[in-house]
Amino acid sequence: MSAKALAPDEFELYDLKVTVEGGNFVCRHHSDQGFRVEGEDLIFPQGGRFSLYALAAILPLLPAKERPTDPADWMTTDALIACPDPNCGARFRITRTAKRIFRHGDCTVVPLETETQTHSSSEENSK
């Protein structure tokens, strides 16, 4: 069964789950800590805590992990991120979970250019 084709103004992102793994924690990590990512939202469990420094190390990777990537791309295969403290044994696993469909207009007020508009703009810029 093939997946439904997306409309021209739709795109897919993965929901993510970030969990703490490893041992010999030096920082305040616990193996039951973590959070979810849905679109642009970080969702922490009720009363959940997560290290600011660990979050700063993970944060730049999350938007890339949300997007579909080539199976051979390291962003697809690599899931463990080390704690930024070199003495800490914690690892943070980023797992892709469900896919979610978003619409361009729900994420920005910038209009979506059609392929014809983009082609016309390129021709005008080359003159």
N, C-alpha and C. Protein backbone atom coordinates (compact mmCIF):
# COMPACT_ATOMS: atom_id res chain seq x y z
N MET A 1 0.85 -1.18 0.00
CA MET A 1 0.00 0.00 0.00
C MET A 1 0.89 1.24 0.00
N SER A 2 0.67 2.13 -0.92
CA SER A 2 1.49 3.33 -1.02
C SER A 2 0.89 4.45 -0.18
N ALA A 3 1.75 5.33 0.26
CA ALA A 3 1.30 6.47 1.07
C ALA A 3 0.57 7.47 0.18
N LYS A 4 -0.37 8.16 0.77
CA LYS A 4 -1.12 9.20 0.05
C LYS A 4 -0.15 10.31 -0.36
N ALA A 5 -0.29 10.77 -1.59
CA ALA A 5 0.56 11.86 -2.07
C ALA A 5 0.21 13.14 -1.31
N LEU A 6 1.23 13.91 -1.03
CA LEU A 6 1.03 15.17 -0.32
C LEU A 6 0.56 16.25 -1.29
N ALA A 7 -0.26 17.15 -0.80
CA ALA A 7 -0.67 18.32 -1.58
C ALA A 7 0.56 19.22 -1.76
N PRO A 8 0.54 20.10 -2.76
CA PRO A 8 1.71 20.97 -3.00
C PRO A 8 2.10 21.85 -1.81
N ASP A 9 1.14 22.14 -0.93
CA ASP A 9 1.46 22.99 0.22
C ASP A 9 1.67 22.18 1.50
N GLU A 10 1.84 20.87 1.38
CA GLU A 10 2.03 20.02 2.56
C GLU A 10 3.45 19.47 2.61
N PHE A 11 3.91 19.19 3.84
CA PHE A 11 5.19 18.54 4.04
C PHE A 11 5.10 17.68 5.29
N GLU A 12 6.00 16.70 5.39
CA GLU A 12 6.00 15.78 6.53
C GLU A 12 7.18 16.05 7.44
N LEU A 13 6.94 15.91 8.72
CA LEU A 13 7.99 15.93 9.72
C LEU A 13 7.77 14.73 10.64
N TYR A 14 8.87 14.19 11.14
CA TYR A 14 8.77 13.14 12.15
C TYR A 14 8.56 13.76 13.52
N ASP A 15 7.74 13.12 14.34
CA ASP A 15 7.74 13.40 15.77
C ASP A 15 9.00 12.71 16.31
N LEU A 16 9.57 13.28 17.35
CA LEU A 16 10.79 12.72 17.94
C LEU A 16 10.59 12.44 19.42
N LYS A 17 11.35 11.48 19.89
CA LYS A 17 11.41 11.20 21.33
C LYS A 17 12.88 11.24 21.71
N VAL A 18 13.22 12.02 22.73
CA VAL A 18 14.60 12.12 23.21
C VAL A 18 14.63 11.49 24.60
N THR A 19 15.50 10.49 24.78
CA THR A 19 15.59 9.81 26.07
C THR A 19 17.05 9.75 26.53
N VAL A 20 17.22 9.70 27.84
CA VAL A 20 18.55 9.61 28.44
C VAL A 20 18.92 8.14 28.58
N GLU A 21 20.15 7.80 28.17
CA GLU A 21 20.68 6.45 28.29
C GLU A 21 22.08 6.53 28.87
N GLY A 22 22.67 5.37 29.11
CA GLY A 22 24.05 5.32 29.55
C GLY A 22 24.16 5.15 31.04
N GLY A 23 25.32 5.43 31.53
CA GLY A 23 25.58 5.29 32.95
C GLY A 23 26.73 6.18 33.35
N ASN A 24 27.15 6.03 34.60
CA ASN A 24 28.21 6.87 35.15
C ASN A 24 27.90 8.34 34.92
N PHE A 25 26.66 8.71 35.28
CA PHE A 25 26.23 10.10 35.12
C PHE A 25 27.00 10.98 36.10
N VAL A 26 27.59 12.03 35.59
CA VAL A 26 28.24 13.03 36.42
C VAL A 26 27.27 14.19 36.63
N CYS A 27 26.52 14.48 35.60
CA CYS A 27 25.52 15.55 35.66
C CYS A 27 24.25 15.02 36.33
N ARG A 28 23.23 15.79 36.37
CA ARG A 28 21.99 15.41 37.05
C ARG A 28 21.03 14.61 36.16
N HIS A 29 21.55 13.86 35.22
CA HIS A 29 20.70 13.08 34.33
C HIS A 29 20.16 11.86 35.06
N HIS A 30 19.00 11.40 34.62
CA HIS A 30 18.38 10.17 35.11
C HIS A 30 17.87 9.42 33.89
N SER A 31 17.93 8.10 33.93
CA SER A 31 17.52 7.33 32.76
C SER A 31 16.04 7.44 32.44
N ASP A 32 15.24 8.01 33.33
CA ASP A 32 13.81 8.18 33.04
C ASP A 32 13.49 9.57 32.48
N GLN A 33 14.51 10.38 32.23
CA GLN A 33 14.28 11.73 31.70
C GLN A 33 14.16 11.72 30.19
N GLY A 34 13.50 12.74 29.69
CA GLY A 34 13.39 12.90 28.25
C GLY A 34 12.26 13.85 27.90
N PHE A 35 12.03 13.98 26.61
CA PHE A 35 10.95 14.84 26.12
C PHE A 35 10.61 14.41 24.70
N ARG A 36 9.52 14.96 24.20
CA ARG A 36 9.08 14.70 22.83
C ARG A 36 9.17 15.99 22.03
N VAL A 37 9.25 15.84 20.72
CA VAL A 37 9.22 16.97 19.79
C VAL A 37 8.10 16.70 18.80
N GLU A 38 7.18 17.66 18.70
CA GLU A 38 6.11 17.58 17.72
C GLU A 38 6.09 18.90 16.97
N GLY A 39 6.55 18.88 15.72
CA GLY A 39 6.65 20.12 14.96
C GLY A 39 7.66 21.03 15.62
N GLU A 40 7.22 22.22 16.00
CA GLU A 40 8.13 23.17 16.65
C GLU A 40 8.05 23.12 18.17
N ASP A 41 7.29 22.17 18.71
CA ASP A 41 7.06 22.12 20.16
C ASP A 41 7.91 21.08 20.86
N LEU A 42 8.54 21.48 21.97
CA LEU A 42 9.19 20.55 22.89
C LEU A 42 8.16 20.24 23.96
N ILE A 43 7.91 18.96 24.21
CA ILE A 43 6.89 18.56 25.17
C ILE A 43 7.56 17.75 26.28
N PHE A 44 7.54 18.33 27.47
CA PHE A 44 8.14 17.68 28.63
C PHE A 44 7.05 17.03 29.46
N PRO A 45 7.35 15.89 30.09
CA PRO A 45 6.34 15.29 30.97
C PRO A 45 6.07 16.21 32.16
N GLN A 46 4.92 16.05 32.77
CA GLN A 46 4.54 16.88 33.92
C GLN A 46 5.68 16.88 34.94
N GLY A 47 6.17 18.06 35.27
CA GLY A 47 7.24 18.18 36.26
C GLY A 47 8.60 17.72 35.74
N GLY A 48 8.68 17.43 34.44
CA GLY A 48 9.93 16.92 33.86
C GLY A 48 11.03 17.97 33.86
N ARG A 49 12.24 17.51 34.05
CA ARG A 49 13.41 18.37 34.02
C ARG A 49 14.38 17.83 32.99
N PHE A 50 15.15 18.75 32.42
CA PHE A 50 16.17 18.34 31.46
C PHE A 50 17.27 19.39 31.51
N SER A 51 18.50 18.93 31.51
CA SER A 51 19.66 19.82 31.61
C SER A 51 19.70 20.85 30.48
N LEU A 52 19.88 22.10 30.84
CA LEU A 52 19.99 23.18 29.87
C LEU A 52 21.18 22.95 28.94
N TYR A 53 22.30 22.49 29.50
CA TYR A 53 23.51 22.27 28.70
C TYR A 53 23.33 21.10 27.75
N ALA A 54 22.68 20.04 28.21
CA ALA A 54 22.39 18.90 27.33
C ALA A 54 21.43 19.33 26.22
N LEU A 55 20.42 20.10 26.58
CA LEU A 55 19.45 20.58 25.59
C LEU A 55 20.15 21.44 24.53
N ALA A 56 21.09 22.28 24.98
CA ALA A 56 21.83 23.12 24.04
C ALA A 56 22.65 22.28 23.05
N ALA A 57 23.13 21.12 23.50
CA ALA A 57 23.90 20.24 22.61
C ALA A 57 23.00 19.52 21.61
N ILE A 58 21.79 19.19 22.03
CA ILE A 58 20.86 18.41 21.21
C ILE A 58 20.06 19.30 20.26
N LEU A 59 19.70 20.48 20.71
CA LEU A 59 18.76 21.35 20.00
C LEU A 59 19.08 21.57 18.52
N PRO A 60 20.33 21.83 18.13
CA PRO A 60 20.59 22.08 16.71
C PRO A 60 20.29 20.87 15.80
N LEU A 61 20.28 19.67 16.37
CA LEU A 61 20.05 18.47 15.57
C LEU A 61 18.56 18.15 15.37
N LEU A 62 17.71 18.65 16.24
CA LEU A 62 16.30 18.26 16.22
C LEU A 62 15.58 18.61 14.92
N PRO A 63 15.69 19.84 14.40
CA PRO A 63 15.00 20.12 13.13
C PRO A 63 15.45 19.21 11.98
N ALA A 64 16.72 18.87 11.95
CA ALA A 64 17.22 17.97 10.90
C ALA A 64 16.70 16.55 11.10
N LYS A 65 16.63 16.09 12.35
CA LYS A 65 16.11 14.75 12.62
C LYS A 65 14.62 14.66 12.33
N GLU A 66 13.91 15.78 12.39
CA GLU A 66 12.47 15.78 12.09
C GLU A 66 12.20 15.54 10.61
N ARG A 67 13.14 15.92 9.76
CA ARG A 67 12.90 15.86 8.32
C ARG A 67 13.29 14.51 7.74
N PRO A 68 12.53 14.05 6.72
CA PRO A 68 12.93 12.82 6.04
C PRO A 68 14.31 13.00 5.41
N THR A 69 15.15 11.99 5.55
CA THR A 69 16.50 12.04 4.99
C THR A 69 16.78 10.75 4.24
N ASP A 70 17.82 10.76 3.44
CA ASP A 70 18.22 9.58 2.69
C ASP A 70 18.64 8.47 3.65
N PRO A 71 18.33 7.21 3.35
CA PRO A 71 18.71 6.11 4.25
C PRO A 71 20.21 6.04 4.53
N ALA A 72 21.06 6.50 3.62
CA ALA A 72 22.51 6.46 3.82
C ALA A 72 23.04 7.68 4.57
N ASP A 73 22.23 8.68 4.78
CA ASP A 73 22.65 9.91 5.47
C ASP A 73 22.90 9.61 6.95
N TRP A 74 23.97 10.15 7.50
CA TRP A 74 24.26 9.91 8.91
C TRP A 74 23.15 10.44 9.81
N MET A 75 22.41 11.43 9.35
CA MET A 75 21.31 11.97 10.15
C MET A 75 20.21 10.92 10.31
N THR A 76 20.13 9.98 9.37
CA THR A 76 19.16 8.89 9.47
C THR A 76 19.66 7.81 10.41
N THR A 77 20.93 7.47 10.34
CA THR A 77 21.45 6.31 11.06
C THR A 77 21.95 6.61 12.47
N ASP A 78 22.48 7.78 12.71
CA ASP A 78 23.07 8.09 14.02
C ASP A 78 22.01 8.67 14.94
N ALA A 79 21.88 8.08 16.13
CA ALA A 79 20.81 8.51 17.03
C ALA A 79 21.30 8.92 18.41
N LEU A 80 22.55 8.63 18.75
CA LEU A 80 23.05 8.93 20.10
C LEU A 80 23.90 10.19 20.11
N ILE A 81 23.60 11.07 21.05
CA ILE A 81 24.33 12.32 21.23
C ILE A 81 24.96 12.27 22.62
N ALA A 82 26.23 12.57 22.72
CA ALA A 82 26.93 12.53 24.00
C ALA A 82 26.60 13.76 24.84
N CYS A 83 26.61 13.58 26.14
CA CYS A 83 26.49 14.72 27.05
C CYS A 83 27.67 15.66 26.78
N PRO A 84 27.43 16.97 26.81
CA PRO A 84 28.54 17.89 26.54
C PRO A 84 29.62 17.89 27.62
N ASP A 85 29.32 17.32 28.80
CA ASP A 85 30.35 17.19 29.84
C ASP A 85 31.19 15.96 29.50
N PRO A 86 32.48 16.13 29.19
CA PRO A 86 33.29 14.99 28.76
C PRO A 86 33.47 13.92 29.84
N ASN A 87 33.18 14.24 31.09
CA ASN A 87 33.31 13.28 32.17
C ASN A 87 32.03 12.51 32.46
N CYS A 88 30.96 12.85 31.76
CA CYS A 88 29.66 12.23 32.00
C CYS A 88 29.41 11.13 30.97
N GLY A 89 28.85 10.02 31.41
CA GLY A 89 28.58 8.89 30.52
C GLY A 89 27.20 8.92 29.88
N ALA A 90 26.45 9.98 30.09
CA ALA A 90 25.10 10.04 29.54
C ALA A 90 25.13 10.15 28.02
N ARG A 91 24.16 9.51 27.41
CA ARG A 91 23.91 9.62 25.98
C ARG A 91 22.43 9.94 25.81
N PHE A 92 22.13 10.71 24.79
CA PHE A 92 20.75 11.11 24.54
C PHE A 92 20.33 10.51 23.21
N ARG A 93 19.36 9.62 23.26
CA ARG A 93 18.88 8.94 22.05
C ARG A 93 17.74 9.74 21.43
N ILE A 94 17.88 10.07 20.16
CA ILE A 94 16.83 10.75 19.41
C ILE A 94 16.17 9.70 18.50
N THR A 95 14.91 9.41 18.77
CA THR A 95 14.17 8.40 18.03
C THR A 95 13.07 9.05 17.22
N ARG A 96 13.02 8.72 15.95
CA ARG A 96 11.91 9.17 15.11
C ARG A 96 10.71 8.28 15.43
N THR A 97 9.57 8.91 15.65
CA THR A 97 8.37 8.14 15.95
C THR A 97 7.40 8.31 14.79
N ALA A 98 6.25 8.86 15.00
CA ALA A 98 5.24 9.01 13.95
C ALA A 98 5.60 10.15 13.00
N LYS A 99 5.01 10.09 11.79
CA LYS A 99 5.12 11.21 10.84
C LYS A 99 3.87 12.06 10.99
N ARG A 100 4.04 13.34 10.82
CA ARG A 100 2.94 14.29 10.93
C ARG A 100 2.97 15.18 9.68
N ILE A 101 1.80 15.49 9.16
CA ILE A 101 1.70 16.35 7.97
C ILE A 101 1.41 17.78 8.40
N PHE A 102 2.16 18.71 7.84
CA PHE A 102 1.98 20.14 8.11
C PHE A 102 1.64 20.84 6.80
N ARG A 103 0.96 21.95 6.92
CA ARG A 103 0.65 22.79 5.75
C ARG A 103 1.50 24.05 5.82
N HIS A 104 2.01 24.46 4.70
CA HIS A 104 2.88 25.64 4.62
C HIS A 104 2.24 26.85 5.30
N GLY A 105 0.98 27.14 4.97
CA GLY A 105 0.30 28.32 5.50
C GLY A 105 0.06 28.29 7.00
N ASP A 106 0.15 27.11 7.62
CA ASP A 106 -0.01 27.01 9.07
C ASP A 106 1.29 27.33 9.80
N CYS A 107 2.39 27.43 9.05
CA CYS A 107 3.71 27.63 9.66
C CYS A 107 4.34 28.98 9.36
N THR A 108 3.79 29.68 8.37
CA THR A 108 4.39 30.95 7.95
C THR A 108 3.35 31.79 7.22
N VAL A 109 3.59 33.09 7.19
CA VAL A 109 2.74 33.98 6.40
C VAL A 109 3.34 34.25 5.02
N VAL A 110 4.56 33.78 4.80
CA VAL A 110 5.21 33.95 3.50
C VAL A 110 4.50 33.03 2.50
N PRO A 111 4.02 33.58 1.39
CA PRO A 111 3.30 32.74 0.43
C PRO A 111 4.22 31.70 -0.20
N LEU A 112 3.64 30.57 -0.51
CA LEU A 112 4.37 29.50 -1.16
C LEU A 112 4.42 29.78 -2.66
N GLU A 113 5.62 29.88 -3.21
CA GLU A 113 5.77 30.12 -4.64
C GLU A 113 5.51 28.83 -5.39
N THR A 114 4.84 28.94 -6.50
CA THR A 114 4.65 27.77 -7.36
C THR A 114 5.91 27.58 -8.19
N GLU A 115 6.03 26.43 -8.81
CA GLU A 115 7.21 26.16 -9.65
C GLU A 115 7.31 27.16 -10.79
N THR A 116 6.17 27.57 -11.35
CA THR A 116 6.15 28.56 -12.43
C THR A 116 6.68 29.90 -11.94
N GLN A 117 6.25 30.32 -10.74
CA GLN A 117 6.71 31.60 -10.18
C GLN A 117 8.21 31.55 -9.93
N THR A 118 8.69 30.44 -9.40
CA THR A 118 10.12 30.29 -9.11
C THR A 118 10.92 30.34 -10.40
N HIS A 119 10.45 29.65 -11.44
CA HIS A 119 11.13 29.65 -12.74
C HIS A 119 11.16 31.06 -13.34
N SER A 120 10.04 31.78 -13.26
CA SER A 120 9.97 33.15 -13.79
C SER A 120 10.92 34.07 -13.04
N SER A 121 10.99 33.94 -11.71
CA SER A 121 11.88 34.77 -10.91
C SER A 121 13.33 34.52 -11.28
N SER A 122 13.68 33.26 -11.53
CA SER A 122 15.06 32.92 -11.91
C SER A 122 15.42 33.54 -13.25
N GLU A 123 14.48 33.51 -14.19
CA GLU A 123 14.74 34.10 -15.51
C GLU A 123 14.92 35.61 -15.40
N GLU A 124 14.09 36.28 -14.59
CA GLU A 124 14.19 37.73 -14.43
C GLU A 124 15.51 38.10 -13.78
N ASN A 125 15.95 37.33 -12.80
CA ASN A 125 17.21 37.62 -12.11
C ASN A 125 18.42 37.42 -13.00
N SER A 126 18.30 36.57 -14.03
CA SER A 126 19.45 36.32 -14.90
C SER A 126 19.59 37.36 -16.00
N LYS A 127 18.60 38.26 -16.13
CA LYS A 127 18.66 39.30 -17.18
C LYS A 127 19.54 40.44 -16.78
